[in-house]
Amino acid sequence: MLIALSSDTPGSTASGFTEARSEQTSTMFTRGTIIATALWAAIIASSAFALPSLQLYTPGGDYDAGTETWVTVGNPFALQVIGARSPAWVDAITDVRLIVTVPEGYYDAGDSVTIESTAWLSPQVLGNGGAAPQAIPGSEFPIPSHGIAPEYFWVVGLPDLMVGSAGLTIWNMEPGENDSGIGDVQDYTLTSSFSALHFDVMGTAVGANGSAKDKDVVAPFSHDAEFHGEGWGPGDSGDEPPGAIPEPATIGLFGACLAGMALKIRRKLRNPSTA
């Protein structure tokens, strides 16, 4: 806020003008702060709760509200990779990659996970007897770790998601959300001898006939999935470490706090004596 200084005595014309100008500037500042805060909160809320371009879902599993993750304990278990035409210009999601992670403390060189799909001629084996994992440190994890403490991981290429032509109805799989649209779904069956696995998915959203710029997309961390098998211990891989990336619920709370701060500033500017 700009403050005009004057040597005139209180009550003079110049001093009165200064006070009026200061009050006007304060009002403009308050309105600008409130508008900017409201816009920022709206942008955060829309990005957090809109229908995601990519999601993971474990049919028959449970949603862990603490980690905002779909969790399954069955073995073998089903995993769905869901793509949506969101935003509307997206015609397909190409270069789809499933990131399979073994959390710290759960890797054994003798273990493996097998992924089966009707789209493949033969199953893909990760680990013992199949593809060797990438180790951390040494290999760069393709997305932020978001509290899963990755130790070893694989990046598995999947078929394209034809979200513009498959014609399937897609729902936001986060409990309590009811956004829907059209898209495509891929079904996989996995069998694991690892005690714990974490799954993320990423890809590239492309428009029809090059009508829109390609855009990298990742399933929100509130729409990822985990497998907990025999030997998994609660708290070993589910705790959020300091500095973890905020989930949508946390982001929404942050937006509400910004709005509250703006209201408090407005009250102080209207009543300086209460500051």
C-alpha atoms as a PDB file:
ATOM      1  CA  MET A   1       0.000   0.000   0.000  1.00  0.00           C
ATOM      2  CA  LEU A   2       1.271   3.498  -0.885  1.00  0.00           C
ATOM      3  CA  ILE A   3       1.350   6.030   1.965  1.00  0.00           C
ATOM      4  CA  ALA A   4       1.496   9.750   1.110  1.00  0.00           C
ATOM      5  CA  LEU A   5       3.491  11.910   3.549  1.00  0.00           C
ATOM      6  CA  SER A   6       2.565  15.576   4.136  1.00  0.00           C
ATOM      7  CA  SER A   7       3.840  18.376   6.396  1.00  0.00           C
ATOM      8  CA  ASP A   8       0.399  20.025   6.554  1.00  0.00           C
ATOM      9  CA  THR A   9      -1.419  20.093   9.866  1.00  0.00           C
ATOM     10  CA  PRO A  10      -4.381  17.781  10.378  1.00  0.00           C
ATOM     11  CA  GLY A  11      -7.576  19.222   9.012  1.00  0.00           C
ATOM     12  CA  SER A  12      -5.940  21.167   6.172  1.00  0.00           C
ATOM     13  CA  THR A  13      -7.090  20.687   2.571  1.00  0.00           C
ATOM     14  CA  ALA A  14      -3.880  18.910   1.557  1.00  0.00           C
ATOM     15  CA  SER A  15      -4.015  16.639   4.616  1.00  0.00           C
ATOM     16  CA  GLY A  16      -7.662  15.794   3.931  1.00  0.00           C
ATOM     17  CA  PHE A  17      -6.794  14.905   0.343  1.00  0.00           C
ATOM     18  CA  THR A  18      -3.963  12.692   1.564  1.00  0.00           C
ATOM     19  CA  GLU A  19      -6.239  10.836   3.978  1.00  0.00           C
ATOM     20  CA  ALA A  20      -8.893  10.363   1.287  1.00  0.00           C
ATOM     21  CA  ARG A  21      -6.308   9.130  -1.225  1.00  0.00           C
ATOM     22  CA  SER A  22      -4.840   6.752   1.371  1.00  0.00           C
ATOM     23  CA  GLU A  23      -8.301   5.353   2.137  1.00  0.00           C
ATOM     24  CA  GLN A  24      -8.995   4.915  -1.588  1.00  0.00           C
ATOM     25  CA  THR A  25      -5.659   3.143  -2.076  1.00  0.00           C
ATOM     26  CA  SER A  26      -6.401   0.869   0.893  1.00  0.00           C
ATOM     27  CA  THR A  27      -9.801  -0.007  -0.550  1.00  0.00           C
ATOM     28  CA  MET A  28      -8.270  -0.787  -3.954  1.00  0.00           C
ATOM     29  CA  PHE A  29      -5.585  -2.929  -2.327  1.00  0.00           C
ATOM     30  CA  THR A  30      -8.156  -4.853  -0.281  1.00  0.00           C
ATOM     31  CA  ARG A  31     -10.384  -5.544  -3.268  1.00  0.00           C
ATOM     32  CA  GLY A  32      -7.417  -6.594  -5.383  1.00  0.00           C
ATOM     33  CA  THR A  33      -6.162  -8.940  -2.663  1.00  0.00           C
ATOM     34  CA  ILE A  34      -9.569 -10.570  -2.210  1.00  0.00           C
ATOM     35  CA  ILE A  35     -10.116 -10.974  -5.964  1.00  0.00           C
ATOM     36  CA  ALA A  36      -6.643 -12.441  -6.494  1.00  0.00           C
ATOM     37  CA  THR A  37      -7.087 -14.813  -3.550  1.00  0.00           C
ATOM     38  CA  ALA A  38     -10.485 -15.965  -4.796  1.00  0.00           C
ATOM     39  CA  LEU A  39      -9.136 -16.591  -8.297  1.00  0.00           C
ATOM     40  CA  TRP A  40      -6.162 -18.531  -6.933  1.00  0.00           C
ATOM     41  CA  ALA A  41      -8.413 -20.681  -4.731  1.00  0.00           C
ATOM     42  CA  ALA A  42     -10.746 -21.347  -7.693  1.00  0.00           C
ATOM     43  CA  ILE A  43      -7.847 -22.396  -9.938  1.00  0.00           C
ATOM     44  CA  ILE A  44      -6.496 -24.759  -7.279  1.00  0.00           C
ATOM     45  CA  ALA A  45      -9.924 -26.273  -6.612  1.00  0.00           C
ATOM     46  CA  SER A  46     -10.690 -26.818 -10.313  1.00  0.00           C
ATOM     47  CA  SER A  47      -7.330 -28.491 -10.997  1.00  0.00           C
ATOM     48  CA  ALA A  48      -7.653 -30.690  -7.921  1.00  0.00           C
ATOM     49  CA  PHE A  49     -11.191 -31.978  -8.417  1.00  0.00           C
ATOM     50  CA  ALA A  50     -11.869 -31.936 -12.192  1.00  0.00           C
ATOM     51  CA  LEU A  51     -12.105 -35.273 -14.037  1.00  0.00           C
ATOM     52  CA  PRO A  52      -8.457 -36.391 -14.382  1.00  0.00           C
ATOM     53  CA  SER A  53      -7.038 -37.322 -17.779  1.00  0.00           C
ATOM     54  CA  LEU A  54      -5.537 -40.449 -16.186  1.00  0.00           C
ATOM     55  CA  GLN A  55      -6.557 -42.573 -13.205  1.00  0.00           C
ATOM     56  CA  LEU A  56      -5.712 -45.921 -11.642  1.00  0.00           C
ATOM     57  CA  TYR A  57      -8.318 -48.110  -9.957  1.00  0.00           C
ATOM     58  CA  THR A  58      -8.269 -51.514  -8.246  1.00  0.00           C
ATOM     59  CA  PRO A  59     -11.698 -53.188  -8.617  1.00  0.00           C
ATOM     60  CA  GLY A  60     -12.644 -54.765  -5.306  1.00  0.00           C
ATOM     61  CA  GLY A  61     -10.077 -52.690  -3.434  1.00  0.00           C
ATOM     62  CA  ASP A  62     -10.536 -50.030  -0.770  1.00  0.00           C
ATOM     63  CA  TYR A  63      -9.759 -46.319  -0.897  1.00  0.00           C
ATOM     64  CA  ASP A  64      -7.308 -45.221   1.798  1.00  0.00           C
ATOM     65  CA  ALA A  65      -8.400 -41.672   2.611  1.00  0.00           C
ATOM     66  CA  GLY A  66      -5.202 -41.054   4.595  1.00  0.00           C
ATOM     67  CA  THR A  67      -2.892 -41.602   1.624  1.00  0.00           C
ATOM     68  CA  GLU A  68      -5.598 -40.976  -1.022  1.00  0.00           C
ATOM     69  CA  THR A  69      -4.752 -44.234  -2.781  1.00  0.00           C
ATOM     70  CA  TRP A  70      -6.704 -47.257  -4.019  1.00  0.00           C
ATOM     71  CA  VAL A  71      -5.404 -50.310  -2.154  1.00  0.00           C
ATOM     72  CA  THR A  72      -5.923 -54.000  -2.952  1.00  0.00           C
ATOM     73  CA  VAL A  73      -4.876 -57.027  -0.917  1.00  0.00           C
ATOM     74  CA  GLY A  74      -5.986 -59.765  -3.334  1.00  0.00           C
ATOM     75  CA  ASN A  75      -3.407 -61.812  -5.207  1.00  0.00           C
ATOM     76  CA  PRO A  76      -3.758 -62.022  -8.154  1.00  0.00           C
ATOM     77  CA  PHE A  77      -5.485 -58.640  -8.411  1.00  0.00           C
ATOM     78  CA  ALA A  78      -7.083 -56.443 -11.057  1.00  0.00           C
ATOM     79  CA  LEU A  79      -5.762 -53.018 -12.047  1.00  0.00           C
ATOM     80  CA  GLN A  80      -7.564 -50.610 -14.360  1.00  0.00           C
ATOM     81  CA  VAL A  81      -5.833 -47.818 -16.285  1.00  0.00           C
ATOM     82  CA  ILE A  82      -8.479 -45.193 -17.034  1.00  0.00           C
ATOM     83  CA  GLY A  83      -8.166 -42.378 -19.562  1.00  0.00           C
ATOM     84  CA  ALA A  84     -10.667 -39.555 -20.000  1.00  0.00           C
ATOM     85  CA  ARG A  85     -11.279 -36.978 -22.686  1.00  0.00           C
ATOM     86  CA  SER A  86     -10.385 -34.236 -20.264  1.00  0.00           C
ATOM     87  CA  PRO A  87      -9.908 -31.481 -21.303  1.00  0.00           C
ATOM     88  CA  ALA A  88     -12.271 -31.740 -24.267  1.00  0.00           C
ATOM     89  CA  TRP A  89      -9.573 -31.267 -26.945  1.00  0.00           C
ATOM     90  CA  VAL A  90      -7.871 -34.556 -26.010  1.00  0.00           C
ATOM     91  CA  ASP A  91      -8.438 -37.253 -28.654  1.00  0.00           C
ATOM     92  CA  ALA A  92      -5.988 -39.897 -27.386  1.00  0.00           C
ATOM     93  CA  ILE A  93      -3.414 -40.498 -24.675  1.00  0.00           C
ATOM     94  CA  THR A  94      -0.277 -41.958 -26.203  1.00  0.00           C
ATOM     95  CA  ASP A  95       3.049 -43.153 -24.793  1.00  0.00           C
ATOM     96  CA  VAL A  96       1.180 -44.518 -21.775  1.00  0.00           C
ATOM     97  CA  ARG A  97       3.597 -45.720 -19.097  1.00  0.00           C
ATOM     98  CA  LEU A  98       2.767 -47.655 -15.944  1.00  0.00           C
ATOM     99  CA  ILE A  99       5.294 -46.993 -13.170  1.00  0.00           C
ATOM    100  CA  VAL A 100       5.599 -50.005 -10.883  1.00  0.00           C
ATOM    101  CA  THR A 101       7.453 -49.206  -7.667  1.00  0.00           C
ATOM    102  CA  VAL A 102       8.778 -51.359  -4.843  1.00  0.00           C
ATOM    103  CA  PRO A 103       8.791 -49.185  -1.702  1.00  0.00           C
ATOM    104  CA  GLU A 104      11.928 -49.055   0.403  1.00  0.00           C
ATOM    105  CA  GLY A 105      12.441 -52.183   2.496  1.00  0.00           C
ATOM    106  CA  TYR A 106      10.270 -54.458   0.340  1.00  0.00           C
ATOM    107  CA  TYR A 107      12.604 -55.436  -2.488  1.00  0.00           C
ATOM    108  CA  ASP A 108      13.913 -58.993  -2.769  1.00  0.00           C
ATOM    109  CA  ALA A 109      15.852 -60.108  -5.844  1.00  0.00           C
ATOM    110  CA  GLY A 110      13.976 -63.416  -5.810  1.00  0.00           C
ATOM    111  CA  ASP A 111      10.539 -61.756  -6.095  1.00  0.00           C
ATOM    112  CA  SER A 112       8.657 -60.794  -9.239  1.00  0.00           C
ATOM    113  CA  VAL A 113       5.367 -59.395 -10.499  1.00  0.00           C
ATOM    114  CA  THR A 114       3.573 -60.648 -13.609  1.00  0.00           C
ATOM    115  CA  ILE A 115       1.272 -58.392 -15.638  1.00  0.00           C
ATOM    116  CA  GLU A 116      -1.275 -59.981 -17.968  1.00  0.00           C
ATOM    117  CA  SER A 117      -3.492 -58.284 -20.555  1.00  0.00           C
ATOM    118  CA  THR A 118      -5.642 -59.443 -23.461  1.00  0.00           C
ATOM    119  CA  ALA A 119      -3.828 -56.769 -25.523  1.00  0.00           C
ATOM    120  CA  TRP A 120      -0.518 -58.636 -25.159  1.00  0.00           C
ATOM    121  CA  LEU A 121       0.492 -61.947 -26.702  1.00  0.00           C
ATOM    122  CA  SER A 122       2.354 -62.947 -23.532  1.00  0.00           C
ATOM    123  CA  PRO A 123       2.533 -61.666 -19.926  1.00  0.00           C
ATOM    124  CA  GLN A 124       5.212 -59.224 -18.846  1.00  0.00           C
ATOM    125  CA  VAL A 125       7.391 -60.343 -15.948  1.00  0.00           C
ATOM    126  CA  LEU A 126       9.140 -57.767 -13.786  1.00  0.00           C
ATOM    127  CA  GLY A 127      11.910 -58.863 -11.449  1.00  0.00           C
ATOM    128  CA  ASN A 128      13.179 -62.410 -11.036  1.00  0.00           C
ATOM    129  CA  GLY A 129      13.064 -64.151 -14.426  1.00  0.00           C
ATOM    130  CA  GLY A 130      12.051 -60.984 -16.254  1.00  0.00           C
ATOM    131  CA  ALA A 131      12.915 -57.319 -16.701  1.00  0.00           C
ATOM    132  CA  ALA A 132      15.489 -55.994 -14.251  1.00  0.00           C
ATOM    133  CA  PRO A 133      14.418 -52.998 -12.167  1.00  0.00           C
ATOM    134  CA  GLN A 134      15.922 -49.545 -12.102  1.00  0.00           C
ATOM    135  CA  ALA A 135      17.483 -48.674  -8.749  1.00  0.00           C
ATOM    136  CA  ILE A 136      17.401 -45.489  -6.700  1.00  0.00           C
ATOM    137  CA  PRO A 137      19.857 -43.862  -6.374  1.00  0.00           C
ATOM    138  CA  GLY A 138      21.345 -44.318  -9.801  1.00  0.00           C
ATOM    139  CA  SER A 139      18.204 -43.895 -11.898  1.00  0.00           C
ATOM    140  CA  GLU A 140      15.989 -40.824 -11.950  1.00  0.00           C
ATOM    141  CA  PHE A 141      12.448 -41.517 -10.791  1.00  0.00           C
ATOM    142  CA  PRO A 142      10.139 -40.173 -13.548  1.00  0.00           C
ATOM    143  CA  ILE A 143       7.727 -38.374 -11.189  1.00  0.00           C
ATOM    144  CA  PRO A 144       7.943 -36.931  -7.646  1.00  0.00           C
ATOM    145  CA  SER A 145       8.036 -39.710  -5.055  1.00  0.00           C
ATOM    146  CA  HIS A 146       4.899 -38.354  -3.216  1.00  0.00           C
ATOM    147  CA  GLY A 147       5.630 -40.239  -0.018  1.00  0.00           C
ATOM    148  CA  ILE A 148       6.142 -43.763  -1.408  1.00  0.00           C
ATOM    149  CA  ALA A 149       9.918 -43.862  -0.770  1.00  0.00           C
ATOM    150  CA  PRO A 150      10.797 -45.677  -4.011  1.00  0.00           C
ATOM    151  CA  GLU A 151      13.766 -48.055  -3.919  1.00  0.00           C
ATOM    152  CA  TYR A 152      13.347 -49.973  -7.192  1.00  0.00           C
ATOM    153  CA  PHE A 153      10.983 -49.361 -10.098  1.00  0.00           C
ATOM    154  CA  TRP A 154      10.005 -50.388 -13.620  1.00  0.00           C
ATOM    155  CA  VAL A 155       8.445 -48.278 -16.384  1.00  0.00           C
ATOM    156  CA  VAL A 156       6.106 -50.461 -18.456  1.00  0.00           C
ATOM    157  CA  GLY A 157       4.840 -49.275 -21.842  1.00  0.00           C
ATOM    158  CA  LEU A 158       1.087 -49.707 -22.359  1.00  0.00           C
ATOM    159  CA  PRO A 159      -1.174 -49.379 -25.430  1.00  0.00           C
ATOM    160  CA  ASP A 160      -2.631 -45.968 -26.291  1.00  0.00           C
ATOM    161  CA  LEU A 161      -5.865 -44.911 -24.626  1.00  0.00           C
ATOM    162  CA  MET A 162      -8.322 -43.907 -27.370  1.00  0.00           C
ATOM    163  CA  VAL A 163     -10.317 -41.534 -25.204  1.00  0.00           C
ATOM    164  CA  GLY A 164     -11.971 -39.745 -28.139  1.00  0.00           C
ATOM    165  CA  SER A 165     -13.316 -42.817 -29.914  1.00  0.00           C
ATOM    166  CA  ALA A 166     -13.740 -45.648 -27.373  1.00  0.00           C
ATOM    167  CA  GLY A 167     -17.036 -44.139 -26.200  1.00  0.00           C
ATOM    168  CA  LEU A 168     -16.945 -45.473 -22.618  1.00  0.00           C
ATOM    169  CA  THR A 169     -18.442 -43.541 -19.711  1.00  0.00           C
ATOM    170  CA  ILE A 170     -15.688 -42.532 -17.291  1.00  0.00           C
ATOM    171  CA  TRP A 171     -16.191 -41.482 -13.674  1.00  0.00           C
ATOM    172  CA  ASN A 172     -13.907 -39.760 -11.207  1.00  0.00           C
ATOM    173  CA  MET A 173     -12.948 -42.752  -9.053  1.00  0.00           C
ATOM    174  CA  GLU A 174     -12.128 -40.720  -5.942  1.00  0.00           C
ATOM    175  CA  PRO A 175     -14.923 -41.359  -3.396  1.00  0.00           C
ATOM    176  CA  GLY A 176     -17.210 -38.371  -2.997  1.00  0.00           C
ATOM    177  CA  GLU A 177     -16.520 -37.024  -6.496  1.00  0.00           C
ATOM    178  CA  ASN A 178     -19.135 -37.333  -9.258  1.00  0.00           C
ATOM    179  CA  ASP A 179     -17.400 -35.888 -12.335  1.00  0.00           C
ATOM    180  CA  SER A 180     -17.933 -37.962 -15.469  1.00  0.00           C
ATOM    181  CA  GLY A 181     -17.062 -37.930 -19.159  1.00  0.00           C
ATOM    182  CA  ILE A 182     -16.094 -40.246 -21.991  1.00  0.00           C
ATOM    183  CA  GLY A 183     -12.873 -42.161 -22.396  1.00  0.00           C
ATOM    184  CA  ASP A 184     -11.160 -45.546 -22.500  1.00  0.00           C
ATOM    185  CA  VAL A 185     -10.290 -48.264 -19.961  1.00  0.00           C
ATOM    186  CA  GLN A 186      -7.566 -50.936 -19.986  1.00  0.00           C
ATOM    187  CA  ASP A 187      -7.817 -54.000 -17.715  1.00  0.00           C
ATOM    188  CA  TYR A 188      -4.802 -55.828 -16.316  1.00  0.00           C
ATOM    189  CA  THR A 189      -4.340 -58.799 -14.002  1.00  0.00           C
ATOM    190  CA  LEU A 190      -1.260 -58.856 -11.781  1.00  0.00           C
ATOM    191  CA  THR A 191       0.307 -61.551  -9.629  1.00  0.00           C
ATOM    192  CA  SER A 192       3.019 -60.494  -7.185  1.00  0.00           C
ATOM    193  CA  SER A 193       5.420 -62.190  -4.791  1.00  0.00           C
ATOM    194  CA  PHE A 194       6.496 -58.748  -3.544  1.00  0.00           C
ATOM    195  CA  SER A 195       4.849 -57.742  -0.272  1.00  0.00           C
ATOM    196  CA  ALA A 196       4.151 -54.195  -1.450  1.00  0.00           C
ATOM    197  CA  LEU A 197       3.871 -52.399  -4.786  1.00  0.00           C
ATOM    198  CA  HIS A 198       2.872 -48.882  -5.750  1.00  0.00           C
ATOM    199  CA  PHE A 199       1.496 -47.875  -9.159  1.00  0.00           C
ATOM    200  CA  ASP A 200       1.408 -44.586 -11.055  1.00  0.00           C
ATOM    201  CA  VAL A 201       0.581 -43.875 -14.696  1.00  0.00           C
ATOM    202  CA  MET A 202       1.633 -41.141 -17.121  1.00  0.00           C
ATOM    203  CA  GLY A 203       1.284 -40.395 -20.822  1.00  0.00           C
ATOM    204  CA  THR A 204       0.932 -37.742 -23.497  1.00  0.00           C
ATOM    205  CA  ALA A 205      -2.454 -36.209 -24.329  1.00  0.00           C
ATOM    206  CA  VAL A 206      -2.808 -35.408 -28.041  1.00  0.00           C
ATOM    207  CA  GLY A 207      -5.520 -33.649 -30.025  1.00  0.00           C
ATOM    208  CA  ALA A 208      -7.240 -34.841 -33.179  1.00  0.00           C
ATOM    209  CA  ASN A 209      -5.166 -34.328 -36.354  1.00  0.00           C
ATOM    210  CA  GLY A 210      -2.668 -32.200 -34.496  1.00  0.00           C
ATOM    211  CA  SER A 211      -5.359 -29.635 -33.626  1.00  0.00           C
ATOM    212  CA  ALA A 212      -3.969 -29.101 -30.141  1.00  0.00           C
ATOM    213  CA  LYS A 213      -0.522 -29.084 -28.600  1.00  0.00           C
ATOM    214  CA  ASP A 214       0.614 -32.346 -27.024  1.00  0.00           C
ATOM    215  CA  LYS A 215       0.616 -32.281 -23.241  1.00  0.00           C
ATOM    216  CA  ASP A 216       2.236 -34.641 -20.722  1.00  0.00           C
ATOM    217  CA  VAL A 217      -0.283 -35.938 -18.180  1.00  0.00           C
ATOM    218  CA  VAL A 218       0.099 -37.894 -14.940  1.00  0.00           C
ATOM    219  CA  ALA A 219      -2.585 -39.489 -12.798  1.00  0.00           C
ATOM    220  CA  PRO A 220      -3.067 -37.242  -9.740  1.00  0.00           C
ATOM    221  CA  PHE A 221      -1.505 -38.658  -6.590  1.00  0.00           C
ATOM    222  CA  SER A 222      -5.074 -38.989  -5.256  1.00  0.00           C
ATOM    223  CA  HIS A 223      -5.762 -41.455  -8.108  1.00  0.00           C
ATOM    224  CA  ASP A 224      -2.840 -43.902  -7.805  1.00  0.00           C
ATOM    225  CA  ALA A 225      -2.907 -47.493  -6.518  1.00  0.00           C
ATOM    226  CA  GLU A 226      -1.102 -49.933  -4.245  1.00  0.00           C
ATOM    227  CA  PHE A 227      -0.894 -53.651  -3.583  1.00  0.00           C
ATOM    228  CA  HIS A 228      -0.408 -54.863  -0.007  1.00  0.00           C
ATOM    229  CA  GLY A 229       0.474 -58.542   0.230  1.00  0.00           C
ATOM    230  CA  GLU A 230       1.618 -60.902   2.931  1.00  0.00           C
ATOM    231  CA  GLY A 231       4.395 -59.295   4.926  1.00  0.00           C
ATOM    232  CA  TRP A 232       3.265 -55.737   4.372  1.00  0.00           C
ATOM    233  CA  GLY A 233       3.322 -53.628   7.537  1.00  0.00           C
ATOM    234  CA  PRO A 234       1.068 -50.550   7.999  1.00  0.00           C
ATOM    235  CA  GLY A 235       3.122 -47.397   8.388  1.00  0.00           C
ATOM    236  CA  ASP A 236       6.140 -48.759   6.513  1.00  0.00           C
ATOM    237  CA  SER A 237       5.240 -47.180   3.178  1.00  0.00           C
ATOM    238  CA  GLY A 238       2.082 -45.151   3.752  1.00  0.00           C
ATOM    239  CA  ASP A 239       3.298 -42.301   5.936  1.00  0.00           C
ATOM    240  CA  GLU A 240       3.664 -38.898   4.305  1.00  0.00           C
ATOM    241  CA  PRO A 241       7.215 -37.580   4.816  1.00  0.00           C
ATOM    242  CA  PRO A 242       7.985 -33.919   5.520  1.00  0.00           C
ATOM    243  CA  GLY A 243       7.612 -31.849   2.369  1.00  0.00           C
ATOM    244  CA  ALA A 244       5.375 -34.355   0.598  1.00  0.00           C
ATOM    245  CA  ILE A 245       3.413 -33.043  -2.382  1.00  0.00           C
ATOM    246  CA  PRO A 246      -0.039 -31.826  -1.252  1.00  0.00           C
ATOM    247  CA  GLU A 247      -3.002 -33.965  -2.204  1.00  0.00           C
ATOM    248  CA  PRO A 248      -6.232 -32.313  -3.479  1.00  0.00           C
ATOM    249  CA  ALA A 249      -7.821 -32.224   0.008  1.00  0.00           C
ATOM    250  CA  THR A 250      -4.764 -30.411   1.379  1.00  0.00           C
ATOM    251  CA  ILE A 251      -4.734 -28.022  -1.581  1.00  0.00           C
ATOM    252  CA  GLY A 252      -8.408 -27.194  -1.031  1.00  0.00           C
ATOM    253  CA  LEU A 253      -7.708 -26.415   2.650  1.00  0.00           C
ATOM    254  CA  PHE A 254      -4.821 -24.166   1.585  1.00  0.00           C
ATOM    255  CA  GLY A 255      -7.173 -22.230  -0.691  1.00  0.00           C
ATOM    256  CA  ALA A 256      -9.667 -21.772   2.162  1.00  0.00           C
ATOM    257  CA  CYS A 257      -6.867 -20.440   4.405  1.00  0.00           C
ATOM    258  CA  LEU A 258      -5.905 -17.882   1.733  1.00  0.00           C
ATOM    259  CA  ALA A 259      -9.501 -16.656   1.590  1.00  0.00           C
ATOM    260  CA  GLY A 260      -9.573 -16.343   5.392  1.00  0.00           C
ATOM    261  CA  MET A 261      -6.354 -14.335   5.398  1.00  0.00           C
ATOM    262  CA  ALA A 262      -7.760 -11.955   2.780  1.00  0.00           C
ATOM    263  CA  LEU A 263     -10.895 -11.367   4.902  1.00  0.00           C
ATOM    264  CA  LYS A 264      -8.746 -10.648   7.970  1.00  0.00           C
ATOM    265  CA  ILE A 265      -6.653  -8.102   6.026  1.00  0.00           C
ATOM    266  CA  ARG A 266      -9.816  -6.366   4.839  1.00  0.00           C
ATOM    267  CA  ARG A 267     -11.137  -6.035   8.398  1.00  0.00           C
ATOM    268  CA  LYS A 268      -7.833  -4.596   9.642  1.00  0.00           C
ATOM    269  CA  LEU A 269      -7.741  -2.014   6.865  1.00  0.00           C
ATOM    270  CA  ARG A 270     -11.311  -0.911   7.649  1.00  0.00           C
ATOM    271  CA  ASN A 271     -10.601  -0.731  11.391  1.00  0.00           C
ATOM    272  CA  PRO A 272      -6.909   0.180  11.911  1.00  0.00           C
ATOM    273  CA  SER A 273      -7.411   0.578  15.677  1.00  0.00           C
ATOM    274  CA  THR A 274      -8.112  -3.151  16.044  1.00  0.00           C
ATOM    275  CA  ALA A 275      -4.845  -4.198  14.356  1.00  0.00           C
END
